[in-house]
Amino acid sequence: MRVVPASIRGDALNRITGTDWAAVKEAYADRVMGILESYAPGFGGKVLGRAVFSPLDLESENPNLLGGDNLGGSHHLSQNFLFRPVAGWSRYKTPVEGLYLVGASTWPGAGVGAGSGFMLAKMLAK
């Protein structure tokens, strides 16, 4: 699963009762594997091993992944277009002349797919 909630508020099927990721991450992974198995029968038998990382595990490994967010922060309207990363400093500019910022925390956001670097290169090439 690429995106899961940082804090657990409940389980729609009422089968996973805990709200602590350390206690429920294996059960959650089992649920995901079960769903995959329903679409691809025999899939589980082909898995040689697995590692399950909760949002808290991700944040403990990399403090930049607040709440386990692996996509580079909020995608609310206040964090899009001219507001990303902050109002007044969109379009990859920084307060330092000739220094630009790219990556998940700049437009278009959502991970590091090179979109912001490509768009900055096009802008600078003009």
N, C-alpha and C. Protein backbone atom coordinates (compact mmCIF):
# COMPACT_ATOMS: atom_id res chain seq x y z
N MET A 1 0.84 -1.17 0.00
CA MET A 1 0.00 0.00 0.00
C MET A 1 0.88 1.23 0.00
N ARG A 2 0.59 2.16 -0.83
CA ARG A 2 1.40 3.36 -0.90
C ARG A 2 0.99 4.40 0.13
N VAL A 3 -0.28 4.52 0.41
CA VAL A 3 -0.75 5.55 1.33
C VAL A 3 -1.69 4.92 2.36
N VAL A 4 -1.35 5.10 3.63
CA VAL A 4 -2.21 4.67 4.73
C VAL A 4 -2.28 5.81 5.74
N PRO A 5 -3.28 5.82 6.59
CA PRO A 5 -3.39 6.92 7.56
C PRO A 5 -2.28 6.86 8.61
N ALA A 6 -1.83 8.02 9.05
CA ALA A 6 -0.79 8.08 10.08
C ALA A 6 -1.33 7.58 11.42
N SER A 7 -2.58 7.89 11.70
CA SER A 7 -3.19 7.40 12.94
C SER A 7 -4.45 6.62 12.60
N ILE A 8 -4.62 5.52 13.28
CA ILE A 8 -5.73 4.61 13.01
C ILE A 8 -6.93 5.00 13.87
N ARG A 9 -8.06 5.21 13.23
CA ARG A 9 -9.28 5.56 13.96
C ARG A 9 -10.27 4.41 14.04
N GLY A 10 -10.03 3.39 13.26
CA GLY A 10 -10.94 2.24 13.28
C GLY A 10 -10.76 1.39 12.05
N ASP A 11 -11.56 0.36 11.96
CA ASP A 11 -11.47 -0.59 10.86
C ASP A 11 -12.88 -0.81 10.30
N ALA A 12 -13.06 -0.57 9.03
CA ALA A 12 -14.38 -0.67 8.41
C ALA A 12 -14.98 -2.07 8.55
N LEU A 13 -14.15 -3.10 8.60
CA LEU A 13 -14.67 -4.47 8.75
C LEU A 13 -14.72 -4.93 10.20
N ASN A 14 -14.26 -4.10 11.13
CA ASN A 14 -14.24 -4.43 12.56
C ASN A 14 -13.46 -5.71 12.86
N ARG A 15 -12.38 -5.94 12.11
CA ARG A 15 -11.55 -7.12 12.34
C ARG A 15 -10.20 -6.76 12.95
N ILE A 16 -9.73 -5.56 12.66
CA ILE A 16 -8.47 -5.09 13.23
C ILE A 16 -8.87 -4.11 14.33
N THR A 17 -8.64 -4.50 15.58
CA THR A 17 -9.18 -3.72 16.69
C THR A 17 -8.21 -2.69 17.26
N GLY A 18 -6.92 -2.83 17.02
CA GLY A 18 -5.95 -1.92 17.61
C GLY A 18 -5.88 -0.59 16.89
N THR A 19 -5.30 0.39 17.56
CA THR A 19 -5.09 1.70 16.94
C THR A 19 -3.61 2.08 16.97
N ASP A 20 -2.76 1.14 17.34
CA ASP A 20 -1.31 1.35 17.38
C ASP A 20 -0.68 0.59 16.21
N TRP A 21 0.00 1.31 15.34
CA TRP A 21 0.57 0.69 14.14
C TRP A 21 1.49 -0.48 14.47
N ALA A 22 2.27 -0.35 15.52
CA ALA A 22 3.20 -1.44 15.87
C ALA A 22 2.44 -2.74 16.13
N ALA A 23 1.25 -2.62 16.70
CA ALA A 23 0.47 -3.81 17.03
C ALA A 23 -0.34 -4.36 15.86
N VAL A 24 -0.69 -3.52 14.89
CA VAL A 24 -1.62 -3.98 13.84
C VAL A 24 -1.03 -4.03 12.44
N LYS A 25 0.22 -3.62 12.26
CA LYS A 25 0.73 -3.53 10.88
C LYS A 25 0.76 -4.88 10.17
N GLU A 26 1.05 -5.97 10.88
CA GLU A 26 1.06 -7.28 10.23
C GLU A 26 -0.36 -7.69 9.84
N ALA A 27 -1.34 -7.42 10.70
CA ALA A 27 -2.74 -7.73 10.37
C ALA A 27 -3.20 -6.91 9.18
N TYR A 28 -2.77 -5.65 9.13
CA TYR A 28 -3.11 -4.79 8.00
C TYR A 28 -2.50 -5.35 6.71
N ALA A 29 -1.24 -5.76 6.79
CA ALA A 29 -0.57 -6.35 5.61
C ALA A 29 -1.27 -7.63 5.19
N ASP A 30 -1.71 -8.44 6.16
CA ASP A 30 -2.45 -9.66 5.82
C ASP A 30 -3.74 -9.31 5.07
N ARG A 31 -4.42 -8.24 5.50
CA ARG A 31 -5.65 -7.81 4.84
C ARG A 31 -5.34 -7.43 3.39
N VAL A 32 -4.28 -6.67 3.18
CA VAL A 32 -3.90 -6.25 1.83
C VAL A 32 -3.58 -7.47 0.97
N MET A 33 -2.82 -8.41 1.54
CA MET A 33 -2.48 -9.62 0.79
C MET A 33 -3.75 -10.41 0.44
N GLY A 34 -4.71 -10.45 1.33
CA GLY A 34 -5.98 -11.13 1.06
C GLY A 34 -6.73 -10.49 -0.10
N ILE A 35 -6.72 -9.18 -0.14
CA ILE A 35 -7.39 -8.47 -1.23
C ILE A 35 -6.68 -8.78 -2.56
N LEU A 36 -5.35 -8.74 -2.54
CA LEU A 36 -4.60 -9.08 -3.76
C LEU A 36 -4.89 -10.51 -4.20
N GLU A 37 -4.95 -11.41 -3.24
CA GLU A 37 -5.23 -12.82 -3.53
C GLU A 37 -6.59 -12.99 -4.18
N SER A 38 -7.57 -12.17 -3.80
CA SER A 38 -8.91 -12.30 -4.39
C SER A 38 -8.91 -11.90 -5.86
N TYR A 39 -8.00 -11.02 -6.26
CA TYR A 39 -7.89 -10.61 -7.67
C TYR A 39 -6.91 -11.47 -8.45
N ALA A 40 -5.93 -12.03 -7.74
CA ALA A 40 -4.90 -12.84 -8.39
C ALA A 40 -4.70 -14.12 -7.57
N PRO A 41 -5.60 -15.09 -7.73
CA PRO A 41 -5.49 -16.32 -6.95
C PRO A 41 -4.11 -16.98 -7.11
N GLY A 42 -3.53 -17.39 -5.99
CA GLY A 42 -2.21 -18.00 -6.00
C GLY A 42 -1.10 -17.00 -5.77
N PHE A 43 -1.42 -15.71 -5.76
CA PHE A 43 -0.41 -14.67 -5.57
C PHE A 43 0.37 -14.86 -4.27
N GLY A 44 -0.34 -15.12 -3.18
CA GLY A 44 0.30 -15.27 -1.88
C GLY A 44 1.32 -16.37 -1.85
N GLY A 45 1.09 -17.44 -2.59
CA GLY A 45 2.03 -18.55 -2.64
C GLY A 45 3.33 -18.23 -3.37
N LYS A 46 3.34 -17.15 -4.11
CA LYS A 46 4.53 -16.76 -4.86
C LYS A 46 5.42 -15.78 -4.07
N VAL A 47 4.92 -15.29 -2.97
CA VAL A 47 5.67 -14.32 -2.16
C VAL A 47 6.73 -15.06 -1.37
N LEU A 48 7.99 -14.65 -1.55
CA LEU A 48 9.10 -15.31 -0.87
C LEU A 48 9.41 -14.68 0.49
N GLY A 49 8.98 -13.46 0.70
CA GLY A 49 9.21 -12.77 1.96
C GLY A 49 8.52 -11.43 1.92
N ARG A 50 8.40 -10.81 3.08
CA ARG A 50 7.80 -9.49 3.09
C ARG A 50 8.35 -8.69 4.26
N ALA A 51 8.33 -7.41 4.09
CA ALA A 51 8.69 -6.47 5.15
C ALA A 51 7.55 -5.46 5.22
N VAL A 52 7.05 -5.21 6.41
CA VAL A 52 5.92 -4.31 6.59
C VAL A 52 6.40 -3.08 7.35
N PHE A 53 6.21 -1.92 6.76
CA PHE A 53 6.61 -0.66 7.38
C PHE A 53 5.37 0.20 7.57
N SER A 54 5.12 0.56 8.80
CA SER A 54 3.98 1.43 9.10
C SER A 54 4.39 2.88 8.88
N PRO A 55 3.44 3.80 8.88
CA PRO A 55 3.79 5.22 8.78
C PRO A 55 4.78 5.65 9.87
N LEU A 56 4.63 5.11 11.07
CA LEU A 56 5.55 5.47 12.15
C LEU A 56 6.95 4.91 11.90
N ASP A 57 7.03 3.71 11.31
CA ASP A 57 8.33 3.14 10.95
C ASP A 57 9.02 4.03 9.92
N LEU A 58 8.26 4.48 8.92
CA LEU A 58 8.84 5.34 7.87
C LEU A 58 9.36 6.64 8.47
N GLU A 59 8.58 7.25 9.36
CA GLU A 59 9.01 8.50 9.98
C GLU A 59 10.23 8.29 10.86
N SER A 60 10.32 7.15 11.55
CA SER A 60 11.49 6.92 12.41
C SER A 60 12.75 6.72 11.58
N GLU A 61 12.61 6.19 10.37
CA GLU A 61 13.75 6.01 9.48
C GLU A 61 14.15 7.31 8.79
N ASN A 62 13.16 8.17 8.53
CA ASN A 62 13.42 9.43 7.83
C ASN A 62 12.51 10.50 8.42
N PRO A 63 13.05 11.38 9.27
CA PRO A 63 12.22 12.38 9.94
C PRO A 63 11.51 13.34 8.99
N ASN A 64 11.90 13.37 7.72
CA ASN A 64 11.21 14.22 6.74
C ASN A 64 9.85 13.64 6.35
N LEU A 65 9.62 12.38 6.64
CA LEU A 65 8.36 11.73 6.28
C LEU A 65 7.39 11.83 7.46
N LEU A 66 6.96 13.03 7.78
CA LEU A 66 6.08 13.26 8.92
C LEU A 66 4.83 12.41 8.82
N GLY A 67 4.56 11.64 9.86
CA GLY A 67 3.40 10.77 9.86
C GLY A 67 3.48 9.67 8.81
N GLY A 68 4.69 9.41 8.30
CA GLY A 68 4.85 8.39 7.27
C GLY A 68 4.49 8.87 5.88
N ASP A 69 4.32 10.17 5.71
CA ASP A 69 3.93 10.73 4.42
C ASP A 69 5.09 10.64 3.44
N ASN A 70 4.97 9.73 2.48
CA ASN A 70 6.04 9.53 1.51
C ASN A 70 5.83 10.34 0.23
N LEU A 71 4.87 11.25 0.25
CA LEU A 71 4.57 12.02 -0.96
C LEU A 71 4.96 13.48 -0.88
N GLY A 72 5.55 13.91 0.20
CA GLY A 72 6.04 15.28 0.27
C GLY A 72 5.06 16.29 0.81
N GLY A 73 4.21 15.91 1.71
CA GLY A 73 3.37 16.87 2.40
C GLY A 73 1.95 16.99 1.88
N SER A 74 1.30 17.98 2.40
CA SER A 74 -0.12 18.21 2.13
C SER A 74 -0.41 18.47 0.66
N HIS A 75 -1.55 17.98 0.23
CA HIS A 75 -2.03 18.28 -1.12
C HIS A 75 -3.36 19.01 -1.05
N HIS A 76 -3.56 19.75 0.05
CA HIS A 76 -4.72 20.62 0.16
C HIS A 76 -4.54 21.79 -0.81
N LEU A 77 -5.62 22.46 -1.13
CA LEU A 77 -5.54 23.58 -2.06
C LEU A 77 -4.50 24.61 -1.62
N SER A 78 -4.37 24.81 -0.31
CA SER A 78 -3.40 25.79 0.20
C SER A 78 -1.96 25.36 -0.06
N GLN A 79 -1.72 24.14 -0.56
CA GLN A 79 -0.37 23.67 -0.86
C GLN A 79 -0.20 23.33 -2.34
N ASN A 80 -1.02 23.92 -3.19
CA ASN A 80 -0.90 23.66 -4.62
C ASN A 80 -0.62 24.95 -5.39
N PHE A 81 -0.15 24.77 -6.60
CA PHE A 81 0.11 25.86 -7.54
C PHE A 81 1.01 26.93 -6.91
N LEU A 82 0.54 28.15 -6.83
CA LEU A 82 1.38 29.24 -6.37
C LEU A 82 1.63 29.22 -4.86
N PHE A 83 1.01 28.31 -4.14
CA PHE A 83 1.20 28.22 -2.69
C PHE A 83 2.24 27.17 -2.28
N ARG A 84 2.79 26.43 -3.23
CA ARG A 84 3.70 25.33 -2.89
C ARG A 84 5.12 25.72 -3.22
N PRO A 85 6.08 25.75 -2.30
CA PRO A 85 5.95 25.29 -0.92
C PRO A 85 5.31 26.33 0.02
N VAL A 86 5.48 27.62 -0.23
CA VAL A 86 4.81 28.66 0.56
C VAL A 86 4.45 29.81 -0.37
N ALA A 87 3.43 30.56 0.01
CA ALA A 87 3.01 31.70 -0.81
C ALA A 87 4.18 32.67 -0.97
N GLY A 88 4.37 33.14 -2.18
CA GLY A 88 5.45 34.08 -2.47
C GLY A 88 6.72 33.42 -2.98
N TRP A 89 6.85 32.12 -2.82
CA TRP A 89 8.07 31.42 -3.27
C TRP A 89 7.72 30.21 -4.13
N SER A 90 6.74 30.36 -4.98
CA SER A 90 6.43 29.28 -5.92
C SER A 90 7.34 29.44 -7.14
N ARG A 91 7.15 28.64 -8.11
CA ARG A 91 7.95 28.64 -9.35
C ARG A 91 9.43 28.40 -9.05
N TYR A 92 9.71 27.64 -7.98
CA TYR A 92 11.03 27.11 -7.67
C TYR A 92 12.04 28.14 -7.19
N LYS A 93 11.61 29.41 -7.03
CA LYS A 93 12.52 30.46 -6.57
C LYS A 93 12.78 30.32 -5.07
N THR A 94 13.94 30.82 -4.66
CA THR A 94 14.27 30.94 -3.24
C THR A 94 14.74 32.37 -3.02
N PRO A 95 14.91 32.79 -1.76
CA PRO A 95 15.40 34.14 -1.51
C PRO A 95 16.83 34.37 -2.01
N VAL A 96 17.54 33.30 -2.34
CA VAL A 96 18.93 33.40 -2.82
C VAL A 96 18.91 33.46 -4.35
N GLU A 97 19.43 34.54 -4.89
CA GLU A 97 19.47 34.73 -6.36
C GLU A 97 20.17 33.55 -7.03
N GLY A 98 19.52 32.95 -8.02
CA GLY A 98 20.10 31.85 -8.79
C GLY A 98 20.00 30.49 -8.12
N LEU A 99 19.38 30.42 -6.94
CA LEU A 99 19.20 29.14 -6.25
C LEU A 99 17.73 28.74 -6.34
N TYR A 100 17.49 27.54 -6.84
CA TYR A 100 16.12 27.07 -7.05
C TYR A 100 15.89 25.80 -6.23
N LEU A 101 14.65 25.54 -5.94
CA LEU A 101 14.24 24.40 -5.14
C LEU A 101 13.37 23.49 -5.99
N VAL A 102 13.68 22.19 -6.03
CA VAL A 102 12.83 21.22 -6.71
C VAL A 102 12.64 20.03 -5.78
N GLY A 103 11.71 19.18 -6.11
CA GLY A 103 11.46 17.99 -5.31
C GLY A 103 10.00 17.89 -4.92
N ALA A 104 9.72 16.97 -4.02
CA ALA A 104 8.35 16.66 -3.64
C ALA A 104 7.62 17.83 -3.00
N SER A 105 8.35 18.74 -2.39
CA SER A 105 7.68 19.86 -1.72
C SER A 105 7.46 21.05 -2.63
N THR A 106 7.74 20.90 -3.90
CA THR A 106 7.45 21.95 -4.88
C THR A 106 6.42 21.40 -5.88
N TRP A 107 5.83 22.31 -6.65
CA TRP A 107 4.83 21.90 -7.63
C TRP A 107 5.49 21.04 -8.69
N PRO A 108 4.95 19.90 -9.14
CA PRO A 108 3.62 19.38 -8.89
C PRO A 108 3.51 18.49 -7.66
N GLY A 109 4.56 18.36 -6.85
CA GLY A 109 4.47 17.61 -5.60
C GLY A 109 4.33 16.12 -5.84
N ALA A 110 3.75 15.45 -4.85
CA ALA A 110 3.46 14.01 -4.90
C ALA A 110 4.65 13.13 -5.25
N GLY A 111 5.58 13.05 -4.35
CA GLY A 111 6.73 12.18 -4.55
C GLY A 111 7.81 12.88 -5.34
N VAL A 112 8.76 12.10 -5.80
CA VAL A 112 9.88 12.69 -6.53
C VAL A 112 9.92 12.04 -7.91
N GLY A 113 9.04 12.49 -8.79
CA GLY A 113 8.96 11.94 -10.13
C GLY A 113 9.65 12.79 -11.17
N ALA A 114 10.46 13.73 -10.75
CA ALA A 114 11.24 14.61 -11.62
C ALA A 114 10.40 15.68 -12.31
N GLY A 115 9.11 15.75 -11.99
CA GLY A 115 8.24 16.74 -12.62
C GLY A 115 8.69 18.16 -12.35
N SER A 116 9.03 18.46 -11.09
CA SER A 116 9.42 19.83 -10.77
C SER A 116 10.76 20.19 -11.42
N GLY A 117 11.68 19.27 -11.48
CA GLY A 117 12.97 19.54 -12.14
C GLY A 117 12.79 19.77 -13.63
N PHE A 118 11.94 18.99 -14.26
CA PHE A 118 11.66 19.17 -15.68
C PHE A 118 11.04 20.52 -15.95
N MET A 119 10.05 20.90 -15.11
CA MET A 119 9.37 22.16 -15.30
C MET A 119 10.32 23.35 -15.04
N LEU A 120 11.20 23.24 -14.05
CA LEU A 120 12.18 24.30 -13.81
C LEU A 120 13.15 24.39 -14.96
N ALA A 121 13.61 23.27 -15.50
CA ALA A 121 14.54 23.30 -16.63
C ALA A 121 13.92 23.99 -17.83
N LYS A 122 12.66 23.70 -18.11
CA LYS A 122 11.97 24.36 -19.22
C LYS A 122 11.88 25.87 -18.98
N MET A 123 11.59 26.24 -17.74
CA MET A 123 11.46 27.65 -17.40
C MET A 123 12.81 28.36 -17.56
N LEU A 124 13.89 27.75 -17.09
CA LEU A 124 15.22 28.37 -17.18
C LEU A 124 15.76 28.40 -18.60
N ALA A 125 15.32 27.47 -19.44
CA ALA A 125 15.81 27.39 -20.81
C ALA A 125 15.24 28.50 -21.69
N LYS A 126 14.18 29.15 -21.24
CA LYS A 126 13.55 30.20 -22.07
C LYS A 126 14.42 31.42 -22.16
